Amino acid sequence: MKYYIIDAFTNRLFAGNPAAVCLLQEPLADEVMASIAREMNLSETAFVLWENDAWRLRWFTPTVEVPLCGHGTLATARALREAGIVTDGEVYFRSLSGDLAARYQEDQIELDFPSLPPTPAPVPEAVLDALRINTAPSWSGVNDHDYWLLDLGSAAAVRALTPDRAATMAIDLPGIIVTGAGDAPYDFTSRFFAPADGIFEDPVTGSAHAALAPYWSNVLGKTDFLAFQASSRGGILKVRLAGDRVLIAGETVVVATGDLRIP
């Protein structure tokens, strides 16, 4: 089976968020895909298979299957074009989060994701303690994917966080987004933690921006954003809120490709 390793939301090697993409010729058992994801040991391994009239796309961390993954979808679209299976235009995916699309735009690929706005709610104290946040966020809320969003006010506050790794990983939540107003040229900055999915800090998270876009649209009164995810690898995303959809664009770099032996 052909596979690719692709850095997403970056234009340089060893930055952004790496994903493995496996191009399936036939269905694989869930336990085999889970084993491959553990072997790859990246935040996400994507599995894509042509079924009838669309591509079936699934994403696995080394510990669980997840319902939505932005960088894995971006990497999959690049892998399909790299393999010569899809050229220009659009490619459509069926996923646990419904129908998704990716559009090829010169050096970038644009994802068409559902908007997942958070609603106001007091953040659990365990989250504040684990992230070592001593001052109450200016805003907190949670969306339908159980992603918590905390506005810390500034990019400096987001970058300065030094979470307690063990305490964070003990929290049974799939997503914790910390955000703040961005330093120019960025409209906002974020970081993302996914303890329930076995990921301490995710380098660049497309699905988080499905919550960040509607939040920052309300704050800034605009719909188009340039966003930066301030992990150690870093990532840049062009984000646009379009009604009940969020369009997330970024660049990709192919790191490796090869043939994977499967049972």
Protein backbone atom coordinates (compact mmCIF):
# COMPACT_ATOMS: atom_id res chain seq x y z
CA MET A 1 0.00 0.00 0.00
CA LYS A 2 1.33 3.43 -0.96
CA TYR A 3 1.75 5.94 1.82
CA TYR A 4 2.93 9.53 2.18
CA ILE A 5 4.14 11.61 5.09
CA ILE A 6 3.24 15.23 4.54
CA ASP A 7 3.79 18.37 6.62
CA ALA A 8 0.57 20.40 6.57
CA PHE A 9 -0.02 24.13 7.04
CA THR A 10 3.57 25.01 6.20
CA ASN A 11 5.79 25.68 3.18
CA ARG A 12 8.98 24.24 4.70
CA LEU A 13 10.14 20.82 5.79
CA PHE A 14 9.81 19.75 9.42
CA ALA A 15 7.33 22.47 10.35
CA GLY A 16 3.55 22.53 10.45
CA ASN A 17 1.79 19.30 11.40
CA PRO A 18 2.97 15.97 9.95
CA ALA A 19 0.37 13.40 8.87
CA ALA A 20 0.68 9.98 7.31
CA VAL A 21 -1.71 9.25 4.43
CA CYS A 22 -2.45 5.67 3.37
CA LEU A 23 -3.99 5.19 -0.09
CA LEU A 24 -6.19 2.12 0.28
CA GLN A 25 -7.02 -0.21 -2.59
CA GLU A 26 -9.58 -2.11 -0.52
CA PRO A 27 -11.14 -1.76 2.94
CA LEU A 28 -9.00 -2.51 5.97
CA ALA A 29 -10.23 -3.74 9.33
CA ASP A 30 -10.40 -1.08 12.02
CA GLU A 31 -7.83 -2.87 14.15
CA VAL A 32 -5.36 -2.91 11.24
CA MET A 33 -5.77 0.83 10.68
CA ALA A 34 -5.33 1.42 14.41
CA SER A 35 -2.14 -0.67 14.35
CA ILE A 36 -0.77 1.28 11.39
CA ALA A 37 -1.50 4.56 13.19
CA ARG A 38 0.40 3.30 16.24
CA GLU A 39 3.28 2.30 13.97
CA MET A 40 3.37 5.72 12.29
CA ASN A 41 3.13 7.39 15.73
CA LEU A 42 2.11 10.77 14.32
CA SER A 43 -0.74 12.87 15.68
CA GLU A 44 -2.88 11.57 12.79
CA THR A 45 -2.76 8.86 10.16
CA ALA A 46 -5.36 9.24 7.40
CA PHE A 47 -6.86 6.36 5.42
CA VAL A 48 -8.60 7.15 2.15
CA LEU A 49 -10.54 4.74 -0.09
CA TRP A 50 -12.65 5.35 -3.20
CA GLU A 51 -16.21 4.17 -2.51
CA ASN A 52 -18.85 4.47 -5.23
CA ASP A 53 -18.77 8.21 -5.99
CA ALA A 54 -16.57 9.76 -3.31
CA TRP A 55 -13.52 9.22 -1.15
CA ARG A 56 -14.13 7.68 2.27
CA LEU A 57 -11.74 9.35 4.72
CA ARG A 58 -10.92 8.26 8.27
CA TRP A 59 -8.34 9.53 10.75
CA PHE A 60 -6.61 7.71 13.59
CA THR A 61 -4.29 8.99 16.30
CA PRO A 62 -1.98 6.39 17.87
CA THR A 63 -4.76 5.72 20.41
CA VAL A 64 -8.22 6.50 18.93
CA GLU A 65 -10.19 7.28 15.78
CA VAL A 66 -11.21 10.94 15.60
CA PRO A 67 -14.32 12.43 13.93
CA LEU A 68 -12.59 15.37 12.22
CA CYS A 69 -9.01 16.27 11.33
CA GLY A 70 -7.93 19.31 9.34
CA HIS A 71 -4.25 18.67 8.76
CA GLY A 72 -4.95 15.02 7.90
CA THR A 73 -7.49 16.12 5.28
CA LEU A 74 -5.10 18.70 3.85
CA ALA A 75 -2.37 16.06 3.64
CA THR A 76 -4.74 13.57 2.00
CA ALA A 77 -5.69 16.05 -0.72
CA ARG A 78 -1.98 16.66 -1.39
CA ALA A 79 -1.24 12.91 -1.45
CA LEU A 80 -4.01 12.24 -4.00
CA ARG A 81 -2.61 14.95 -6.26
CA GLU A 82 0.98 13.80 -5.69
CA ALA A 83 -0.01 10.26 -6.73
CA GLY A 84 -1.64 11.59 -9.91
CA ILE A 85 -5.07 10.29 -8.86
CA VAL A 86 -6.64 13.75 -8.56
CA THR A 87 -5.41 16.82 -10.43
CA ASP A 88 -6.94 20.29 -10.18
CA GLY A 89 -10.38 21.40 -9.08
CA GLU A 90 -11.99 19.80 -6.05
CA VAL A 91 -11.96 16.49 -4.25
CA TYR A 92 -14.80 15.34 -2.00
CA PHE A 93 -14.61 13.23 1.13
CA ARG A 94 -17.15 11.38 3.24
CA SER A 95 -16.27 11.32 6.90
CA LEU A 96 -17.65 10.90 10.41
CA SER A 97 -18.27 14.67 10.31
CA GLY A 98 -20.25 14.54 7.08
CA ASP A 99 -19.23 15.61 3.59
CA LEU A 100 -16.01 17.60 3.27
CA ALA A 101 -14.26 19.15 0.28
CA ALA A 102 -10.74 20.25 -0.61
CA ARG A 103 -10.02 22.73 -3.39
CA TYR A 104 -6.67 23.09 -5.13
CA GLN A 105 -5.52 26.72 -5.32
CA GLU A 106 -2.04 27.08 -6.83
CA ASP A 107 0.35 26.50 -3.88
CA GLN A 108 -2.44 26.07 -1.33
CA ILE A 109 -5.29 23.68 -0.67
CA GLU A 110 -8.53 24.99 0.82
CA LEU A 111 -10.65 22.79 3.07
CA ASP A 112 -14.42 23.17 3.32
CA PHE A 113 -15.38 22.25 6.90
CA PRO A 114 -18.50 22.69 9.04
CA SER A 115 -18.56 25.69 11.35
CA LEU A 116 -18.41 24.47 14.97
CA PRO A 117 -19.03 27.58 17.08
CA PRO A 118 -18.53 27.40 20.84
CA THR A 119 -21.18 28.58 23.27
CA PRO A 120 -20.29 30.35 26.52
CA ALA A 121 -19.62 28.11 29.53
CA PRO A 122 -17.39 28.30 32.60
CA VAL A 123 -14.21 26.35 32.00
CA PRO A 124 -13.56 23.43 34.39
CA GLU A 125 -11.07 24.30 37.13
CA ALA A 126 -9.08 21.16 36.27
CA VAL A 127 -8.33 22.66 32.85
CA LEU A 128 -7.07 25.94 34.31
CA ASP A 129 -4.94 24.08 36.84
CA ALA A 130 -3.44 21.70 34.25
CA LEU A 131 -2.62 24.50 31.80
CA ARG A 132 -1.28 26.64 34.68
CA ILE A 133 -3.60 29.53 33.84
CA ASN A 134 -3.65 31.80 36.88
CA THR A 135 -5.87 34.57 35.50
CA ALA A 136 -9.42 33.79 34.42
CA PRO A 137 -9.83 33.79 30.61
CA SER A 138 -11.66 36.77 29.15
CA TRP A 139 -14.05 34.25 27.54
CA SER A 140 -14.58 30.50 27.67
CA GLY A 141 -16.98 28.11 25.96
CA VAL A 142 -17.44 24.69 24.44
CA ASN A 143 -18.76 23.41 21.09
CA ASP A 144 -20.60 20.28 19.92
CA HIS A 145 -17.33 18.36 19.49
CA ASP A 146 -16.54 18.97 23.17
CA TYR A 147 -13.74 21.37 22.24
CA TRP A 148 -13.22 23.98 24.94
CA LEU A 149 -12.08 27.45 23.84
CA LEU A 150 -10.32 29.85 26.21
CA ASP A 151 -9.47 33.42 25.19
CA LEU A 152 -6.34 34.53 27.08
CA GLY A 153 -6.32 37.98 25.48
CA SER A 154 -3.00 38.09 23.66
CA ALA A 155 -0.59 36.07 21.55
CA ALA A 156 2.04 36.59 24.25
CA ALA A 157 -0.17 34.93 26.85
CA VAL A 158 -0.82 31.99 24.52
CA ARG A 159 2.86 31.50 23.78
CA ALA A 160 3.85 31.84 27.44
CA LEU A 161 1.71 28.88 28.61
CA THR A 162 3.73 26.05 30.18
CA PRO A 163 1.12 23.37 30.89
CA ASP A 164 1.67 20.51 33.30
CA ARG A 165 1.94 17.61 30.87
CA ALA A 166 0.83 14.84 33.26
CA ALA A 167 -2.10 16.86 34.60
CA THR A 168 -3.20 17.84 31.08
CA MET A 169 -3.07 14.26 29.83
CA ALA A 170 -5.24 13.19 32.77
CA ILE A 171 -8.13 15.38 31.57
CA ASP A 172 -10.74 13.43 29.61
CA LEU A 173 -11.38 16.06 26.94
CA PRO A 174 -10.77 15.72 23.18
CA GLY A 175 -9.86 19.35 22.63
CA ILE A 176 -8.69 22.42 24.56
CA ILE A 177 -8.09 25.53 22.45
CA VAL A 178 -6.27 28.50 23.94
CA THR A 179 -6.33 31.65 21.86
CA GLY A 180 -5.56 35.35 21.91
CA ALA A 181 -5.41 38.31 19.57
CA GLY A 182 -2.58 37.86 17.09
CA ASP A 183 0.58 39.86 16.55
CA ALA A 184 0.72 41.41 13.06
CA PRO A 185 0.22 40.10 10.44
CA TYR A 186 -1.94 37.51 12.24
CA ASP A 187 -5.50 38.16 13.38
CA PHE A 188 -5.34 35.58 16.15
CA THR A 189 -3.01 33.01 17.66
CA SER A 190 -3.83 29.63 19.19
CA ARG A 191 -2.53 26.42 20.70
CA PHE A 192 -4.36 23.10 20.94
CA PHE A 193 -4.27 20.20 23.39
CA ALA A 194 -6.08 16.87 22.87
CA PRO A 195 -5.57 14.67 25.96
CA ALA A 196 -8.49 12.29 25.36
CA ASP A 197 -7.06 11.52 21.93
CA GLY A 198 -3.63 10.76 23.37
CA ILE A 199 -2.06 14.01 22.11
CA PHE A 200 -0.51 16.51 24.50
CA GLU A 201 -0.04 19.44 22.11
CA ASP A 202 -1.02 19.20 18.46
CA PRO A 203 1.29 21.24 16.19
CA VAL A 204 -1.37 22.73 13.87
CA THR A 205 -5.06 21.89 14.13
CA GLY A 206 -7.49 22.58 11.30
CA SER A 207 -10.54 21.34 13.22
CA ALA A 208 -9.83 23.83 16.02
CA HIS A 209 -10.21 26.64 13.50
CA ALA A 210 -13.75 25.48 12.78
CA ALA A 211 -14.43 26.82 16.29
CA LEU A 212 -11.96 29.71 16.21
CA ALA A 213 -13.38 31.26 13.02
CA PRO A 214 -16.92 31.85 14.32
CA TYR A 215 -15.57 32.97 17.70
CA TRP A 216 -13.18 35.56 16.26
CA SER A 217 -15.77 36.67 13.73
CA ASN A 218 -17.96 37.75 16.64
CA VAL A 219 -15.03 39.45 18.38
CA LEU A 220 -13.47 41.23 15.40
CA GLY A 221 -16.55 41.73 13.22
CA LYS A 222 -14.94 40.20 10.14
CA THR A 223 -14.94 36.87 8.31
CA ASP A 224 -11.45 36.55 6.80
CA PHE A 225 -8.44 35.79 8.96
CA LEU A 226 -4.76 34.95 8.85
CA ALA A 227 -4.08 32.70 11.83
CA PHE A 228 -0.97 31.34 13.50
CA GLN A 229 -0.78 28.23 15.69
CA ALA A 230 2.05 28.80 18.14
CA SER A 231 3.35 25.27 18.72
CA SER A 232 7.06 24.53 18.63
CA ARG A 233 6.70 23.63 14.91
CA GLY A 234 4.30 26.47 14.11
CA GLY A 235 1.69 26.70 11.37
CA ILE A 236 -0.06 29.32 9.24
CA LEU A 237 -3.70 29.09 8.18
CA LYS A 238 -5.90 31.27 6.00
CA VAL A 239 -9.40 31.04 7.46
CA ARG A 240 -12.75 32.32 6.21
CA LEU A 241 -16.17 32.00 7.81
CA ALA A 242 -18.78 31.40 5.09
CA GLY A 243 -22.19 30.98 6.72
CA ASP A 244 -22.31 27.58 8.36
CA ARG A 245 -18.99 26.55 6.78
CA VAL A 246 -15.39 27.40 7.56
CA LEU A 247 -12.84 27.50 4.74
CA ILE A 248 -9.31 26.69 5.91
CA ALA A 249 -6.38 26.99 3.50
CA GLY A 250 -2.72 26.11 3.87
CA GLU A 251 0.38 24.86 2.11
CA THR A 252 1.88 21.36 2.30
CA VAL A 253 5.30 19.75 1.91
CA VAL A 254 5.87 16.09 1.02
CA VAL A 255 8.44 14.64 3.45
CA ALA A 256 8.47 10.96 2.49
CA THR A 257 6.68 8.33 0.48
CA GLY A 258 6.91 4.58 0.33
CA ASP A 259 5.21 1.19 0.32
CA LEU A 260 3.65 -0.13 3.50
CA ARG A 261 3.44 -3.85 4.20
CA ILE A 262 0.10 -4.88 5.67
CA PRO A 263 -1.14 -8.26 6.87
